[in-house]
Amino acid sequence: MMGYPKKGEIYLVNFDPTIGHEVKKKRPALILSNNIHNQYSPLVTVAPSSSNTNKVYPFEVYVPNKLTGLNENSKIMIIQLRSIDKKRLINKIGNIEEKEILNKINKVISEHFDLQFS
């Protein structure tokens, strides 16, 4: 991998092995951790995505493929957010630059963790 993964980039990630209801298999995931962390840590924080967009739950964000570079529309699954070793990253396959979508993702993360800002 050249350089390091950047916040907002989408990588194909190998999530196996998993347990229980954790998201499985190789799938796209959005890099959420900040770039200083991403450059120096062996870990990155990601939110997996799914192309099954029939139902988008409150802790998921719908993203049309024209905004990601992916082949299909997808949803970012904030409820499945996790830190993974960079060795799980297979290759960069897209990115999200649209501020409206990134703001929605940040809002859903804040709601998921019940973060209060004053």
Protein backbone atom coordinates (compact mmCIF):
# COMPACT_ATOMS: atom_id res chain seq x y z
CA MET A 1 0.00 0.00 0.00
CA MET A 2 1.49 3.34 -1.03
CA GLY A 3 1.31 6.07 1.59
CA TYR A 4 -1.43 5.55 4.14
CA PRO A 5 -5.23 5.39 4.10
CA LYS A 6 -6.91 8.79 4.42
CA LYS A 7 -10.12 9.78 6.15
CA GLY A 8 -13.00 9.62 3.65
CA GLU A 9 -11.40 6.95 1.47
CA ILE A 10 -13.17 3.66 0.86
CA TYR A 11 -11.17 0.44 0.96
CA LEU A 12 -12.05 -3.15 0.27
CA VAL A 13 -11.57 -4.77 3.68
CA ASN A 14 -11.37 -8.40 4.75
CA PHE A 15 -13.53 -8.53 7.90
CA ASP A 16 -13.17 -12.30 8.41
CA PRO A 17 -12.97 -13.95 10.86
CA THR A 18 -15.92 -12.54 12.78
CA ILE A 19 -18.22 -13.60 15.61
CA GLY A 20 -22.00 -13.43 15.88
CA HIS A 21 -23.61 -10.39 14.30
CA GLU A 22 -20.37 -8.67 13.26
CA VAL A 23 -20.32 -7.79 9.57
CA LYS A 24 -18.57 -10.51 7.56
CA LYS A 25 -16.58 -11.13 4.38
CA LYS A 26 -14.71 -8.77 2.07
CA ARG A 27 -16.61 -5.54 1.62
CA PRO A 28 -16.07 -1.80 1.21
CA ALA A 29 -15.47 0.27 4.33
CA LEU A 30 -15.12 4.01 4.89
CA ILE A 31 -12.02 5.23 6.74
CA LEU A 32 -13.21 7.38 9.68
CA SER A 33 -10.07 7.91 11.77
CA ASN A 34 -8.09 11.12 11.32
CA ASN A 35 -5.09 11.31 9.02
CA ILE A 36 -2.46 11.77 11.75
CA HIS A 37 -3.69 8.58 13.41
CA ASN A 38 -3.90 6.83 10.03
CA GLN A 39 -0.32 7.76 9.15
CA TYR A 40 1.33 6.60 12.38
CA SER A 41 -0.88 3.87 13.86
CA PRO A 42 -1.04 0.26 12.67
CA LEU A 43 -4.84 0.55 13.14
CA VAL A 44 -7.54 2.51 11.33
CA THR A 45 -11.15 3.06 12.33
CA VAL A 46 -13.66 2.12 9.66
CA ALA A 47 -17.39 1.81 9.06
CA PRO A 48 -18.31 -1.11 6.78
CA SER A 49 -20.78 -0.59 3.96
CA SER A 50 -23.43 -2.75 2.37
CA SER A 51 -25.06 -2.66 -1.05
CA ASN A 52 -28.32 -3.93 0.51
CA THR A 53 -30.10 -0.57 0.65
CA ASN A 54 -33.70 -1.87 0.74
CA LYS A 55 -33.88 -0.70 4.36
CA VAL A 56 -31.63 2.00 5.83
CA TYR A 57 -31.76 2.04 9.63
CA PRO A 58 -31.20 5.10 11.85
CA PHE A 59 -27.52 4.22 12.45
CA GLU A 60 -26.81 3.85 8.74
CA VAL A 61 -26.21 6.49 6.06
CA TYR A 62 -27.33 5.97 2.45
CA VAL A 63 -24.72 6.98 -0.13
CA PRO A 64 -25.42 6.93 -3.89
CA ASN A 65 -22.68 5.30 -5.96
CA LYS A 66 -22.12 8.49 -7.97
CA LEU A 67 -20.67 10.00 -4.76
CA THR A 68 -18.37 7.09 -3.89
CA GLY A 69 -16.95 5.68 -7.10
CA LEU A 70 -18.38 2.26 -6.16
CA ASN A 71 -20.40 0.18 -8.61
CA GLU A 72 -23.54 0.15 -6.45
CA ASN A 73 -25.43 2.44 -4.11
CA SER A 74 -24.56 1.62 -0.52
CA LYS A 75 -25.17 2.38 3.10
CA ILE A 76 -22.47 3.12 5.66
CA MET A 77 -23.13 1.00 8.76
CA ILE A 78 -22.13 3.18 11.72
CA ILE A 79 -23.43 0.53 14.14
CA GLN A 80 -20.62 -1.74 12.85
CA LEU A 81 -17.86 0.86 13.34
CA ARG A 82 -14.54 -0.71 14.47
CA SER A 83 -10.80 -0.29 14.54
CA ILE A 84 -8.92 -2.79 12.40
CA ASP A 85 -5.31 -3.56 11.58
CA LYS A 86 -4.20 -2.00 8.29
CA LYS A 87 -3.32 -5.53 7.15
CA ARG A 88 -7.08 -6.05 6.63
CA LEU A 89 -7.12 -3.30 3.96
CA ILE A 90 -6.97 -4.86 0.49
CA ASN A 91 -7.07 -1.83 -1.82
CA LYS A 92 -8.60 1.62 -2.20
CA ILE A 93 -11.80 1.47 -4.26
CA GLY A 94 -13.43 4.86 -3.76
CA ASN A 95 -13.91 7.86 -1.52
CA ILE A 96 -16.52 10.25 -0.19
CA GLU A 97 -15.84 13.98 -0.58
CA GLU A 98 -19.42 15.31 -0.50
CA LYS A 99 -19.65 17.51 2.64
CA GLU A 100 -23.38 16.86 3.10
CA ILE A 101 -22.80 13.09 3.30
CA LEU A 102 -19.74 13.47 5.57
CA ASN A 103 -21.74 15.75 7.88
CA LYS A 104 -24.59 13.21 7.99
CA ILE A 105 -22.09 10.45 8.88
CA ASN A 106 -20.64 12.63 11.66
CA LYS A 107 -24.16 13.34 12.96
CA VAL A 108 -25.04 9.64 13.05
CA ILE A 109 -21.76 8.82 14.84
CA SER A 110 -22.54 11.52 17.43
CA GLU A 111 -26.05 10.12 17.93
CA HIS A 112 -24.77 6.54 18.17
CA PHE A 113 -22.32 7.43 20.93
CA ASP A 114 -24.71 9.98 22.51
CA LEU A 115 -22.04 12.68 22.23
CA GLN A 116 -23.07 16.03 23.68
CA PHE A 117 -21.33 19.19 22.47
CA SER A 118 -21.83 22.52 24.18
